[in-house]
Every structure is written in C-alpha cells, then in structure tokens.
Amino acid sequence: MTGLLTRAEQAVSTTTMAREFGARLKQVTSTDATHLVIFKDNEPAAVLMGVQAYQAMLDELADLRAERLTTERLPSLNDKHTVSLEEMEARFR
C-alpha cells in the first residue's frame, strides 16, 4: 500500500463518505484530488477515483505488461523468424 496516501486530505471514513458522497465524488472528478482512500475501522477499505484517473492507470498497466512481454521475448528473437518492416507493409497492401 505504498503511496496510497500522500496527504491527509486523501483519507475519509466510511461514515463521512456516506454523509458526503456527492461532495467527495465531485472532489475526485475535479482536479482537487486524484483519489480518496476510504477507511473502515481505521484500516484502508477502498479507493474512490475518477474515471479519467482509472483509465490512465489501466492504460499504464497495459503498457507495462506489453513492455514486460517484449523484454521476455526479445532474447528468443532471431533473424530466421523476423520479417522486415518493408515485407510486413507489403503484406497489408
């Protein structure tokens, strides 16, 4: 959970969240906060974030997975199974 909270304003209790949901939702969908950590019984229970922040996180995760896959496959790359850019472009004309 490293980096979950960087400021105290990012923490909110479940009770406060229930009472102030509209205001808290507005907080994460505007530029005021990237996310809110919702605490229950003094423990982090959930994270509320806007759709843009969530999509950005998913995009970054997909990029990292593709990069890892590329790094894993690169050592097995050989010229026998490699196609040049020109050959690939010719296949799709």
PDB file of N, CA and C in Angstrom:
ATOM      1  N   MET A   1       0.805  -1.186   0.000  1.00  0.00           N
ATOM      2  CA  MET A   1       0.000   0.000   0.000  1.00  0.00           C
ATOM      3  C   MET A   1       0.854   1.257   0.000  1.00  0.00           C
ATOM      4  N   THR A   2       2.065   1.118  -0.429  1.00  0.00           N
ATOM      5  CA  THR A   2       2.951   2.254  -0.518  1.00  0.00           C
ATOM      6  C   THR A   2       2.382   3.288  -1.468  1.00  0.00           C
ATOM      7  N   GLY A   3       2.368   4.533  -1.041  1.00  0.00           N
ATOM      8  CA  GLY A   3       1.899   5.603  -1.901  1.00  0.00           C
ATOM      9  C   GLY A   3       0.397   5.769  -1.940  1.00  0.00           C
ATOM     10  N   LEU A   4      -0.316   5.022  -1.123  1.00  0.00           N
ATOM     11  CA  LEU A   4      -1.769   5.110  -1.106  1.00  0.00           C
ATOM     12  C   LEU A   4      -2.219   6.489  -0.645  1.00  0.00           C
ATOM     13  N   LEU A   5      -1.548   6.990   0.370  1.00  0.00           N
ATOM     14  CA  LEU A   5      -1.854   8.316   0.896  1.00  0.00           C
ATOM     15  C   LEU A   5      -0.621   9.199   0.839  1.00  0.00           C
ATOM     16  N   THR A   6      -0.737  10.330   0.189  1.00  0.00           N
ATOM     17  CA  THR A   6       0.363  11.299   0.205  1.00  0.00           C
ATOM     18  C   THR A   6      -0.026  12.538   0.990  1.00  0.00           C
ATOM     19  N   ARG A   7      -1.337  12.707   1.227  1.00  0.00           N
ATOM     20  CA  ARG A   7      -1.836  13.846   2.003  1.00  0.00           C
ATOM     21  C   ARG A   7      -2.990  13.373   2.872  1.00  0.00           C
ATOM     22  N   ALA A   8      -3.151  14.002   4.015  1.00  0.00           N
ATOM     23  CA  ALA A   8      -4.233  13.637   4.934  1.00  0.00           C
ATOM     24  C   ALA A   8      -5.601  13.854   4.307  1.00  0.00           C
ATOM     25  N   GLU A   9      -5.712  14.821   3.390  1.00  0.00           N
ATOM     26  CA  GLU A   9      -6.997  15.114   2.754  1.00  0.00           C
ATOM     27  C   GLU A   9      -7.480  13.961   1.871  1.00  0.00           C
ATOM     28  N   GLN A  10      -6.609  13.024   1.562  1.00  0.00           N
ATOM     29  CA  GLN A  10      -6.993  11.890   0.718  1.00  0.00           C
ATOM     30  C   GLN A  10      -7.690  10.797   1.520  1.00  0.00           C
ATOM     31  N   ALA A  11      -7.744  10.914   2.828  1.00  0.00           N
ATOM     32  CA  ALA A  11      -8.362   9.903   3.680  1.00  0.00           C
ATOM     33  C   ALA A  11      -9.755  10.355   4.090  1.00  0.00           C
ATOM     34  N   VAL A  12     -10.684   9.403   4.076  1.00  0.00           N
ATOM     35  CA  VAL A  12     -12.052   9.690   4.503  1.00  0.00           C
ATOM     36  C   VAL A  12     -12.637   8.430   5.138  1.00  0.00           C
ATOM     37  N   SER A  13     -13.393   8.616   6.205  1.00  0.00           N
ATOM     38  CA  SER A  13     -14.010   7.462   6.871  1.00  0.00           C
ATOM     39  C   SER A  13     -15.261   7.039   6.116  1.00  0.00           C
ATOM     40  N   THR A  14     -15.692   5.815   6.342  1.00  0.00           N
ATOM     41  CA  THR A  14     -16.908   5.336   5.686  1.00  0.00           C
ATOM     42  C   THR A  14     -18.114   6.163   6.109  1.00  0.00           C
ATOM     43  N   THR A  15     -18.152   6.595   7.352  1.00  0.00           N
ATOM     44  CA  THR A  15     -19.258   7.410   7.848  1.00  0.00           C
ATOM     45  C   THR A  15     -19.309   8.742   7.112  1.00  0.00           C
ATOM     46  N   THR A  16     -18.173   9.399   7.013  1.00  0.00           N
ATOM     47  CA  THR A  16     -18.097  10.675   6.298  1.00  0.00           C
ATOM     48  C   THR A  16     -18.423  10.475   4.831  1.00  0.00           C
ATOM     49  N   MET A  17     -17.935   9.389   4.264  1.00  0.00           N
ATOM     50  CA  MET A  17     -18.192   9.102   2.849  1.00  0.00           C
ATOM     51  C   MET A  17     -19.691   8.944   2.603  1.00  0.00           C
ATOM     52  N   ALA A  18     -20.377   8.251   3.483  1.00  0.00           N
ATOM     53  CA  ALA A  18     -21.811   8.050   3.337  1.00  0.00           C
ATOM     54  C   ALA A  18     -22.568   9.371   3.441  1.00  0.00           C
ATOM     55  N   ARG A  19     -22.135  10.230   4.341  1.00  0.00           N
ATOM     56  CA  ARG A  19     -22.797  11.524   4.541  1.00  0.00           C
ATOM     57  C   ARG A  19     -22.509  12.510   3.417  1.00  0.00           C
ATOM     58  N   GLU A  20     -21.281  12.469   2.884  1.00  0.00           N
ATOM     59  CA  GLU A  20     -20.833  13.496   1.943  1.00  0.00           C
ATOM     60  C   GLU A  20     -20.479  12.928   0.569  1.00  0.00           C
ATOM     61  N   PHE A  21     -21.179  11.874   0.147  1.00  0.00           N
ATOM     62  CA  PHE A  21     -20.798  11.204  -1.091  1.00  0.00           C
ATOM     63  C   PHE A  21     -20.749  12.152  -2.281  1.00  0.00           C
ATOM     64  N   GLY A  22     -21.756  12.970  -2.464  1.00  0.00           N
ATOM     65  CA  GLY A  22     -21.798  13.892  -3.611  1.00  0.00           C
ATOM     66  C   GLY A  22     -20.599  14.821  -3.641  1.00  0.00           C
ATOM     67  N   ALA A  23     -20.280  15.397  -2.510  1.00  0.00           N
ATOM     68  CA  ALA A  23     -19.134  16.318  -2.429  1.00  0.00           C
ATOM     69  C   ALA A  23     -17.821  15.578  -2.664  1.00  0.00           C
ATOM     70  N   ARG A  24     -17.709  14.382  -2.114  1.00  0.00           N
ATOM     71  CA  ARG A  24     -16.478  13.593  -2.287  1.00  0.00           C
ATOM     72  C   ARG A  24     -16.319  13.113  -3.725  1.00  0.00           C
ATOM     73  N   LEU A  25     -17.426  12.766  -4.351  1.00  0.00           N
ATOM     74  CA  LEU A  25     -17.382  12.369  -5.761  1.00  0.00           C
ATOM     75  C   LEU A  25     -16.927  13.541  -6.617  1.00  0.00           C
ATOM     76  N   LYS A  26     -17.464  14.710  -6.332  1.00  0.00           N
ATOM     77  CA  LYS A  26     -17.048  15.921  -7.053  1.00  0.00           C
ATOM     78  C   LYS A  26     -15.554  16.191  -6.836  1.00  0.00           C
ATOM     79  N   GLN A  27     -15.079  15.912  -5.650  1.00  0.00           N
ATOM     80  CA  GLN A  27     -13.670  16.119  -5.309  1.00  0.00           C
ATOM     81  C   GLN A  27     -12.750  15.275  -6.197  1.00  0.00           C
ATOM     82  N   VAL A  28     -13.111  14.016  -6.446  1.00  0.00           N
ATOM     83  CA  VAL A  28     -12.243  13.156  -7.255  1.00  0.00           C
ATOM     84  C   VAL A  28     -12.476  13.316  -8.754  1.00  0.00           C
ATOM     85  N   THR A  29     -13.606  13.884  -9.148  1.00  0.00           N
ATOM     86  CA  THR A  29     -13.836  14.089 -10.577  1.00  0.00           C
ATOM     87  C   THR A  29     -13.351  15.457 -11.035  1.00  0.00           C
ATOM     88  N   SER A  30     -13.004  16.302 -10.099  1.00  0.00           N
ATOM     89  CA  SER A  30     -12.378  17.581 -10.441  1.00  0.00           C
ATOM     90  C   SER A  30     -10.880  17.425 -10.237  1.00  0.00           C
ATOM     91  N   THR A  31     -10.164  18.491 -10.258  1.00  0.00           N
ATOM     92  CA  THR A  31      -8.709  18.410 -10.085  1.00  0.00           C
ATOM     93  C   THR A  31      -8.288  18.511  -8.620  1.00  0.00           C
ATOM     94  N   ASP A  32      -9.262  18.530  -7.698  1.00  0.00           N
ATOM     95  CA  ASP A  32      -8.924  18.665  -6.274  1.00  0.00           C
ATOM     96  C   ASP A  32      -8.156  17.462  -5.729  1.00  0.00           C
ATOM     97  N   ALA A  33      -8.513  16.267  -6.166  1.00  0.00           N
ATOM     98  CA  ALA A  33      -7.870  15.056  -5.653  1.00  0.00           C
ATOM     99  C   ALA A  33      -7.880  13.987  -6.734  1.00  0.00           C
ATOM    100  N   THR A  34      -6.797  13.218  -6.828  1.00  0.00           N
ATOM    101  CA  THR A  34      -6.765  12.128  -7.801  1.00  0.00           C
ATOM    102  C   THR A  34      -7.537  10.922  -7.289  1.00  0.00           C
ATOM    103  N   HIS A  35      -7.535  10.750  -5.969  1.00  0.00           N
ATOM    104  CA  HIS A  35      -8.239   9.624  -5.362  1.00  0.00           C
ATOM    105  C   HIS A  35      -8.490   9.896  -3.885  1.00  0.00           C
ATOM    106  N   LEU A  36      -9.408   9.150  -3.330  1.00  0.00           N
ATOM    107  CA  LEU A  36      -9.672   9.186  -1.894  1.00  0.00           C
ATOM    108  C   LEU A  36      -9.577   7.766  -1.358  1.00  0.00           C
ATOM    109  N   VAL A  37      -8.938   7.616  -0.226  1.00  0.00           N
ATOM    110  CA  VAL A  37      -8.850   6.310   0.428  1.00  0.00           C
ATOM    111  C   VAL A  37      -9.916   6.283   1.516  1.00  0.00           C
ATOM    112  N   ILE A  38     -10.802   5.316   1.420  1.00  0.00           N
ATOM    113  CA  ILE A  38     -11.908   5.199   2.363  1.00  0.00           C
ATOM    114  C   ILE A  38     -11.510   4.215   3.462  1.00  0.00           C
ATOM    115  N   PHE A  39     -11.575   4.690   4.697  1.00  0.00           N
ATOM    116  CA  PHE A  39     -11.172   3.882   5.841  1.00  0.00           C
ATOM    117  C   PHE A  39     -12.384   3.335   6.575  1.00  0.00           C
ATOM    118  N   LYS A  40     -12.275   2.074   6.971  1.00  0.00           N
ATOM    119  CA  LYS A  40     -13.275   1.449   7.832  1.00  0.00           C
ATOM    120  C   LYS A  40     -12.534   0.797   8.986  1.00  0.00           C
ATOM    121  N   ASP A  41     -12.929   1.122  10.190  1.00  0.00           N
ATOM    122  CA  ASP A  41     -12.252   0.614  11.392  1.00  0.00           C
ATOM    123  C   ASP A  41     -10.762   0.930  11.364  1.00  0.00           C
ATOM    124  N   ASN A  42     -10.428   2.142  10.950  1.00  0.00           N
ATOM    125  CA  ASN A  42      -9.044   2.650  10.898  1.00  0.00           C
ATOM    126  C   ASN A  42      -8.132   1.871   9.959  1.00  0.00           C
ATOM    127  N   GLU A  43      -8.715   1.170   9.006  1.00  0.00           N
ATOM    128  CA  GLU A  43      -7.941   0.428   8.005  1.00  0.00           C
ATOM    129  C   GLU A  43      -8.420   0.837   6.614  1.00  0.00           C
ATOM    130  N   PRO A  44      -7.513   0.953   5.635  1.00  0.00           N
ATOM    131  CA  PRO A  44      -7.955   1.263   4.270  1.00  0.00           C
ATOM    132  C   PRO A  44      -8.874   0.161   3.752  1.00  0.00           C
ATOM    133  N   ALA A  45     -10.046   0.554   3.241  1.00  0.00           N
ATOM    134  CA  ALA A  45     -11.019  -0.429   2.775  1.00  0.00           C
ATOM    135  C   ALA A  45     -11.290  -0.316   1.278  1.00  0.00           C
ATOM    136  N   ALA A  46     -11.181   0.891   0.725  1.00  0.00           N
ATOM    137  CA  ALA A  46     -11.486   1.095  -0.685  1.00  0.00           C
ATOM    138  C   ALA A  46     -10.839   2.391  -1.160  1.00  0.00           C
ATOM    139  N   VAL A  47     -10.790   2.529  -2.475  1.00  0.00           N
ATOM    140  CA  VAL A  47     -10.273   3.744  -3.087  1.00  0.00           C
ATOM    141  C   VAL A  47     -11.308   4.255  -4.067  1.00  0.00           C
ATOM    142  N   LEU A  48     -11.599   5.530  -3.990  1.00  0.00           N
ATOM    143  CA  LEU A  48     -12.513   6.178  -4.921  1.00  0.00           C
ATOM    144  C   LEU A  48     -11.689   7.067  -5.833  1.00  0.00           C
ATOM    145  N   MET A  49     -11.858   6.860  -7.151  1.00  0.00           N
ATOM    146  CA  MET A  49     -11.117   7.680  -8.113  1.00  0.00           C
ATOM    147  C   MET A  49     -12.008   7.982  -9.304  1.00  0.00           C
ATOM    148  N   GLY A  50     -11.677   9.048  -9.989  1.00  0.00           N
ATOM    149  CA  GLY A  50     -12.429   9.423 -11.174  1.00  0.00           C
ATOM    150  C   GLY A  50     -12.134   8.481 -12.335  1.00  0.00           C
ATOM    151  N   VAL A  51     -13.018   8.486 -13.308  1.00  0.00           N
ATOM    152  CA  VAL A  51     -12.890   7.606 -14.467  1.00  0.00           C
ATOM    153  C   VAL A  51     -11.603   7.896 -15.237  1.00  0.00           C
ATOM    154  N   GLN A  52     -11.253   9.169 -15.410  1.00  0.00           N
ATOM    155  CA  GLN A  52     -10.034   9.501 -16.151  1.00  0.00           C
ATOM    156  C   GLN A  52      -8.792   8.951 -15.461  1.00  0.00           C
ATOM    157  N   ALA A  53      -8.729   9.086 -14.142  1.00  0.00           N
ATOM    158  CA  ALA A  53      -7.584   8.559 -13.398  1.00  0.00           C
ATOM    159  C   ALA A  53      -7.541   7.037 -13.486  1.00  0.00           C
ATOM    160  N   TYR A  54      -8.699   6.398 -13.414  1.00  0.00           N
ATOM    161  CA  TYR A  54      -8.770   4.944 -13.505  1.00  0.00           C
ATOM    162  C   TYR A  54      -8.333   4.472 -14.889  1.00  0.00           C
ATOM    163  N   GLN A  55      -8.818   5.139 -15.940  1.00  0.00           N
ATOM    164  CA  GLN A  55      -8.440   4.764 -17.304  1.00  0.00           C
ATOM    165  C   GLN A  55      -6.948   4.964 -17.527  1.00  0.00           C
ATOM    166  N   ALA A  56      -6.404   6.054 -17.003  1.00  0.00           N
ATOM    167  CA  ALA A  56      -4.962   6.298 -17.122  1.00  0.00           C
ATOM    168  C   ALA A  56      -4.171   5.190 -16.431  1.00  0.00           C
ATOM    169  N   MET A  57      -4.663   4.746 -15.282  1.00  0.00           N
ATOM    170  CA  MET A  57      -3.987   3.661 -14.557  1.00  0.00           C
ATOM    171  C   MET A  57      -4.047   2.360 -15.354  1.00  0.00           C
ATOM    172  N   LEU A  58      -5.211   2.051 -15.936  1.00  0.00           N
ATOM    173  CA  LEU A  58      -5.338   0.840 -16.754  1.00  0.00           C
ATOM    174  C   LEU A  58      -4.438   0.905 -17.989  1.00  0.00           C
ATOM    175  N   ASP A  59      -4.369   2.069 -18.625  1.00  0.00           N
ATOM    176  CA  ASP A  59      -3.513   2.239 -19.799  1.00  0.00           C
ATOM    177  C   ASP A  59      -2.043   2.029 -19.441  1.00  0.00           C
ATOM    178  N   GLU A  60      -1.630   2.604 -18.321  1.00  0.00           N
ATOM    179  CA  GLU A  60      -0.241   2.446 -17.892  1.00  0.00           C
ATOM    180  C   GLU A  60       0.066   0.993 -17.556  1.00  0.00           C
ATOM    181  N   LEU A  61      -0.868   0.317 -16.932  1.00  0.00           N
ATOM    182  CA  LEU A  61      -0.691  -1.100 -16.609  1.00  0.00           C
ATOM    183  C   LEU A  61      -0.565  -1.936 -17.883  1.00  0.00           C
ATOM    184  N   ALA A  62      -1.398  -1.652 -18.878  1.00  0.00           N
ATOM    185  CA  ALA A  62      -1.313  -2.380 -20.156  1.00  0.00           C
ATOM    186  C   ALA A  62       0.028  -2.127 -20.830  1.00  0.00           C
ATOM    187  N   ASP A  63       0.503  -0.889 -20.794  1.00  0.00           N
ATOM    188  CA  ASP A  63       1.805  -0.567 -21.376  1.00  0.00           C
ATOM    189  C   ASP A  63       2.928  -1.319 -20.665  1.00  0.00           C
ATOM    190  N   LEU A  64       2.864  -1.385 -19.345  1.00  0.00           N
ATOM    191  CA  LEU A  64       3.896  -2.089 -18.581  1.00  0.00           C
ATOM    192  C   LEU A  64       3.879  -3.587 -18.863  1.00  0.00           C
ATOM    193  N   ARG A  65       2.678  -4.150 -19.003  1.00  0.00           N
ATOM    194  CA  ARG A  65       2.585  -5.574 -19.332  1.00  0.00           C
ATOM    195  C   ARG A  65       3.158  -5.856 -20.715  1.00  0.00           C
ATOM    196  N   ALA A  66       2.873  -4.995 -21.682  1.00  0.00           N
ATOM    197  CA  ALA A  66       3.412  -5.162 -23.035  1.00  0.00           C
ATOM    198  C   ALA A  66       4.935  -5.032 -23.023  1.00  0.00           C
ATOM    199  N   GLU A  67       5.434  -4.092 -22.249  1.00  0.00           N
ATOM    200  CA  GLU A  67       6.885  -3.907 -22.150  1.00  0.00           C
ATOM    201  C   GLU A  67       7.547  -5.128 -21.527  1.00  0.00           C
ATOM    202  N   ARG A  68       6.929  -5.679 -20.473  1.00  0.00           N
ATOM    203  CA  ARG A  68       7.483  -6.876 -19.839  1.00  0.00           C
ATOM    204  C   ARG A  68       7.493  -8.050 -20.809  1.00  0.00           C
ATOM    205  N   LEU A  69       6.409  -8.225 -21.557  1.00  0.00           N
ATOM    206  CA  LEU A  69       6.319  -9.298 -22.531  1.00  0.00           C
ATOM    207  C   LEU A  69       7.391  -9.148 -23.611  1.00  0.00           C
ATOM    208  N   THR A  70       7.584  -7.933 -24.070  1.00  0.00           N
ATOM    209  CA  THR A  70       8.615  -7.657 -25.062  1.00  0.00           C
ATOM    210  C   THR A  70       9.999  -8.001 -24.519  1.00  0.00           C
ATOM    211  N   THR A  71      10.252  -7.604 -23.293  1.00  0.00           N
ATOM    212  CA  THR A  71      11.550  -7.882 -22.662  1.00  0.00           C
ATOM    213  C   THR A  71      11.774  -9.382 -22.516  1.00  0.00           C
ATOM    214  N   GLU A  72      10.711 -10.116 -22.189  1.00  0.00           N
ATOM    215  CA  GLU A  72      10.833 -11.571 -22.044  1.00  0.00           C
ATOM    216  C   GLU A  72      11.066 -12.256 -23.391  1.00  0.00           C
ATOM    217  N   ARG A  73      10.449 -11.741 -24.460  1.00  0.00           N
ATOM    218  CA  ARG A  73      10.546 -12.383 -25.775  1.00  0.00           C
ATOM    219  C   ARG A  73      11.786 -11.970 -26.559  1.00  0.00           C
ATOM    220  N   LEU A  74      12.351 -10.834 -26.253  1.00  0.00           N
ATOM    221  CA  LEU A  74      13.480 -10.304 -27.022  1.00  0.00           C
ATOM    222  C   LEU A  74      14.659 -11.265 -27.122  1.00  0.00           C
ATOM    223  N   PRO A  75      15.052 -11.956 -26.046  1.00  0.00           N
ATOM    224  CA  PRO A  75      16.198 -12.869 -26.161  1.00  0.00           C
ATOM    225  C   PRO A  75      15.984 -14.014 -27.166  1.00  0.00           C
ATOM    226  N   SER A  76      14.739 -14.413 -27.403  1.00  0.00           N
ATOM    227  CA  SER A  76      14.481 -15.524 -28.320  1.00  0.00           C
ATOM    228  C   SER A  76      14.285 -15.060 -29.765  1.00  0.00           C
ATOM    229  N   LEU A  77      14.391 -13.767 -30.006  1.00  0.00           N
ATOM    230  CA  LEU A  77      14.218 -13.229 -31.355  1.00  0.00           C
ATOM    231  C   LEU A  77      15.412 -13.624 -32.223  1.00  0.00           C
ATOM    232  N   ASN A  78      15.122 -14.124 -33.429  1.00  0.00           N
ATOM    233  CA  ASN A  78      16.219 -14.431 -34.337  1.00  0.00           C
ATOM    234  C   ASN A  78      15.817 -14.028 -35.755  1.00  0.00           C
ATOM    235  N   ASP A  79      16.804 -13.863 -36.607  1.00  0.00           N
ATOM    236  CA  ASP A  79      16.569 -13.391 -37.976  1.00  0.00           C
ATOM    237  C   ASP A  79      15.753 -14.375 -38.812  1.00  0.00           C
ATOM    238  N   LYS A  80      15.797 -15.650 -38.465  1.00  0.00           N
ATOM    239  CA  LYS A  80      15.073 -16.661 -39.238  1.00  0.00           C
ATOM    240  C   LYS A  80      13.561 -16.417 -39.203  1.00  0.00           C
ATOM    241  N   HIS A  81      13.050 -15.939 -38.061  1.00  0.00           N
ATOM    242  CA  HIS A  81      11.620 -15.718 -37.903  1.00  0.00           C
ATOM    243  C   HIS A  81      11.234 -14.241 -37.925  1.00  0.00           C
ATOM    244  N   THR A  82      12.151 -13.379 -38.280  1.00  0.00           N
ATOM    245  CA  THR A  82      11.896 -11.943 -38.279  1.00  0.00           C
ATOM    246  C   THR A  82      11.533 -11.467 -39.680  1.00  0.00           C
ATOM    247  N   VAL A  83      10.561 -10.588 -39.748  1.00  0.00           N
ATOM    248  CA  VAL A  83      10.123 -10.019 -41.022  1.00  0.00           C
ATOM    249  C   VAL A  83      10.481  -8.538 -41.011  1.00  0.00           C
ATOM    250  N   SER A  84      11.018  -8.046 -42.102  1.00  0.00           N
ATOM    251  CA  SER A  84      11.384  -6.634 -42.177  1.00  0.00           C
ATOM    252  C   SER A  84      10.134  -5.773 -42.239  1.00  0.00           C
ATOM    253  N   LEU A  85      10.283  -4.522 -41.933  1.00  0.00           N
ATOM    254  CA  LEU A  85       9.169  -3.587 -41.989  1.00  0.00           C
ATOM    255  C   LEU A  85       8.597  -3.517 -43.403  1.00  0.00           C
ATOM    256  N   GLU A  86       9.462  -3.493 -44.389  1.00  0.00           N
ATOM    257  CA  GLU A  86       9.021  -3.429 -45.781  1.00  0.00           C
ATOM    258  C   GLU A  86       8.188  -4.656 -46.158  1.00  0.00           C
ATOM    259  N   GLU A  87       8.627  -5.841 -45.727  1.00  0.00           N
ATOM    260  CA  GLU A  87       7.872  -7.069 -46.007  1.00  0.00           C
ATOM    261  C   GLU A  87       6.506  -7.050 -45.319  1.00  0.00           C
ATOM    262  N   MET A  88       6.472  -6.567 -44.097  1.00  0.00           N
ATOM    263  CA  MET A  88       5.221  -6.501 -43.351  1.00  0.00           C
ATOM    264  C   MET A  88       4.252  -5.522 -44.023  1.00  0.00           C
ATOM    265  N   GLU A  89       4.759  -4.374 -44.425  1.00  0.00           N
ATOM    266  CA  GLU A  89       3.904  -3.393 -45.098  1.00  0.00           C
ATOM    267  C   GLU A  89       3.365  -3.952 -46.424  1.00  0.00           C
ATOM    268  N   ALA A  90       4.188  -4.707 -47.134  1.00  0.00           N
ATOM    269  CA  ALA A  90       3.766  -5.298 -48.410  1.00  0.00           C
ATOM    270  C   ALA A  90       2.644  -6.296 -48.198  1.00  0.00           C
ATOM    271  N   ARG A  91       2.648  -7.013 -47.093  1.00  0.00           N
ATOM    272  CA  ARG A  91       1.605  -7.996 -46.813  1.00  0.00           C
ATOM    273  C   ARG A  91       0.229  -7.337 -46.624  1.00  0.00           C
ATOM    274  N   PHE A  92       0.224  -6.088 -46.183  1.00  0.00           N
ATOM    275  CA  PHE A  92      -1.042  -5.422 -45.863  1.00  0.00           C
ATOM    276  C   PHE A  92      -1.472  -4.409 -46.908  1.00  0.00           C
ATOM    277  N   ARG A  93      -0.874  -4.430 -48.091  1.00  0.00           N
ATOM    278  CA  ARG A  93      -1.293  -3.519 -49.171  1.00  0.00           C
ATOM    279  C   ARG A  93      -2.398  -4.095 -49.965  1.00  0.00           C
TER     280      ARG A  93
END
